[in-house]
Amino acid sequence: MLKAKSNPDFSNCLQMARDIFDEHFDHIIKNWRLSFPEDYLNSDKLLFWSGQKRFPVPHTFDHTDALHLNFVTACANLIAFNLGIPQVKDKNFIESIVKTQQGKPYVSKKVKTGEEAKAGEESKQ
């Protein structure tokens, strides 16, 4: 659940949106790559990253990339709307704010395979 800081303004919405971008397009992907390297074999000794599963590429936020800026703009405006904060659509203003904001640092986490999760559940019973 998203919580506004004590004095919410649109820059807080941009920071929340930036954190969401970092989590979903960088941190989670890095965790997948750490847990399942490109040459990872599943329990059947077949390549995990094969067929329609492609090895993912993390994306570090770049305020000059139009797709990154559009995502953060849309996400921040959704957050602002839900918090009752006036929305901002001026891309130049938004870029001037987000280029000064820092993302949360990446902290690695192991992703469990379906087999590991199932084994963990069975051991609890």
Protein backbone atom coordinates (compact mmCIF):
# COMPACT_ATOMS: atom_id res chain seq x y z
CA MET A 1 0.00 0.00 0.00
CA LEU A 2 1.28 3.44 -0.88
CA LYS A 3 1.41 5.97 1.88
CA ALA A 4 1.90 9.68 1.40
CA LYS A 5 4.47 11.45 3.52
CA SER A 6 3.26 13.95 6.11
CA ASN A 7 3.25 16.80 3.57
CA PRO A 8 2.37 15.11 0.28
CA ASP A 9 3.17 16.87 -2.94
CA PHE A 10 3.73 15.80 -6.51
CA SER A 11 7.49 15.31 -6.02
CA ASN A 12 6.67 12.60 -3.44
CA CYS A 13 4.44 10.95 -6.05
CA LEU A 14 7.32 11.07 -8.51
CA GLN A 15 9.63 9.45 -5.96
CA MET A 16 7.11 6.67 -5.33
CA ALA A 17 6.76 6.16 -9.09
CA ARG A 18 10.54 6.08 -9.48
CA ASP A 19 10.78 3.47 -6.70
CA ILE A 20 8.13 1.36 -8.47
CA PHE A 21 10.08 1.63 -11.73
CA ASP A 22 13.32 0.58 -10.03
CA GLU A 23 11.66 -2.35 -8.26
CA HIS A 24 9.86 -3.78 -11.29
CA PHE A 25 12.27 -3.04 -14.13
CA ASP A 26 15.63 -3.32 -12.36
CA HIS A 27 15.66 -4.97 -8.93
CA ILE A 28 13.29 -7.89 -9.59
CA ILE A 29 15.05 -8.65 -12.88
CA LYS A 30 18.46 -8.61 -11.18
CA ASN A 31 17.09 -11.06 -8.60
CA TRP A 32 15.88 -13.37 -11.37
CA ARG A 33 19.28 -13.21 -13.07
CA LEU A 34 21.02 -13.94 -9.79
CA SER A 35 18.79 -16.93 -9.01
CA PHE A 36 18.59 -18.22 -12.57
CA PRO A 37 21.77 -17.41 -14.53
CA GLU A 38 21.66 -17.61 -18.31
CA ASP A 39 23.00 -21.19 -18.26
CA TYR A 40 20.70 -22.40 -15.43
CA LEU A 41 19.33 -25.92 -15.86
CA ASN A 42 15.96 -26.94 -14.41
CA SER A 43 15.31 -30.24 -12.61
CA ASP A 44 14.95 -32.00 -15.99
CA LYS A 45 18.45 -30.75 -16.95
CA LEU A 46 17.00 -28.45 -19.62
CA LEU A 47 17.90 -24.80 -20.02
CA PHE A 48 15.57 -22.68 -17.90
CA TRP A 49 15.84 -19.74 -20.32
CA SER A 50 14.65 -21.42 -23.50
CA GLY A 51 11.64 -21.37 -25.78
CA GLN A 52 9.47 -18.37 -24.95
CA LYS A 53 11.37 -17.62 -21.71
CA ARG A 54 14.07 -15.14 -22.63
CA PHE A 55 16.90 -14.11 -20.34
CA PRO A 56 15.73 -10.77 -18.84
CA VAL A 57 17.63 -7.51 -19.04
CA PRO A 58 17.39 -5.02 -16.15
CA HIS A 59 16.80 -1.35 -16.98
CA THR A 60 18.38 1.35 -14.87
CA PHE A 61 16.18 4.44 -14.74
CA ASP A 62 17.22 7.07 -17.28
CA HIS A 63 15.33 10.37 -17.12
CA THR A 64 16.26 11.06 -20.78
CA ASP A 65 14.57 7.85 -22.00
CA ALA A 66 11.03 8.72 -23.15
CA LEU A 67 9.61 5.33 -22.12
CA HIS A 68 11.06 5.62 -18.61
CA LEU A 69 9.80 9.18 -18.23
CA ASN A 70 6.33 8.27 -19.57
CA PHE A 71 6.06 5.38 -17.10
CA VAL A 72 7.04 7.54 -14.14
CA THR A 73 4.73 10.35 -15.28
CA ALA A 74 1.73 8.05 -15.63
CA CYS A 75 2.46 6.23 -12.38
CA ALA A 76 2.99 9.48 -10.42
CA ASN A 77 -0.25 10.92 -11.76
CA LEU A 78 -2.17 7.79 -10.74
CA ILE A 79 -0.69 8.05 -7.25
CA ALA A 80 -1.46 11.78 -7.09
CA PHE A 81 -5.06 11.23 -8.19
CA ASN A 82 -5.58 8.58 -5.52
CA LEU A 83 -4.07 10.81 -2.83
CA GLY A 84 -6.04 13.89 -3.88
CA ILE A 85 -2.93 15.75 -5.04
CA PRO A 86 -3.11 17.90 -8.20
CA GLN A 87 -1.74 16.03 -11.20
CA VAL A 88 1.13 17.34 -13.33
CA LYS A 89 1.59 16.51 -17.01
CA ASP A 90 4.41 18.94 -17.90
CA LYS A 91 7.21 16.59 -19.02
CA ASN A 92 9.93 19.26 -18.65
CA PHE A 93 8.90 19.95 -15.05
CA ILE A 94 8.72 16.23 -14.28
CA GLU A 95 12.12 15.56 -15.83
CA SER A 96 13.65 18.42 -13.80
CA ILE A 97 12.43 16.73 -10.60
CA VAL A 98 13.19 13.07 -11.38
CA LYS A 99 16.71 13.73 -12.62
CA THR A 100 17.62 14.91 -9.10
CA GLN A 101 15.90 12.05 -7.25
CA GLN A 102 17.74 8.95 -6.14
CA GLY A 103 16.35 5.47 -6.53
CA LYS A 104 16.41 2.89 -3.78
CA PRO A 105 19.62 0.88 -3.86
CA TYR A 106 19.41 -2.68 -5.13
CA VAL A 107 19.48 -5.37 -2.43
CA SER A 108 19.78 -8.89 -3.78
CA LYS A 109 17.15 -11.47 -2.84
CA LYS A 110 17.06 -15.11 -3.86
CA VAL A 111 14.07 -16.10 -5.94
CA LYS A 112 12.72 -19.55 -5.09
CA THR A 113 11.95 -22.03 -7.83
CA GLY A 114 8.55 -23.70 -7.83
CA GLU A 115 10.27 -26.87 -6.63
CA GLU A 116 11.98 -25.04 -3.73
CA ALA A 117 8.73 -23.36 -2.70
CA LYS A 118 6.86 -26.67 -2.80
CA ALA A 119 9.57 -28.41 -0.76
CA GLY A 120 9.40 -25.58 1.81
CA GLU A 121 5.63 -25.94 2.13
CA GLU A 122 5.87 -29.71 2.52
CA SER A 123 8.49 -29.36 5.28
CA LYS A 124 6.10 -27.09 7.26
CA GLN A 125 3.38 -29.74 7.33
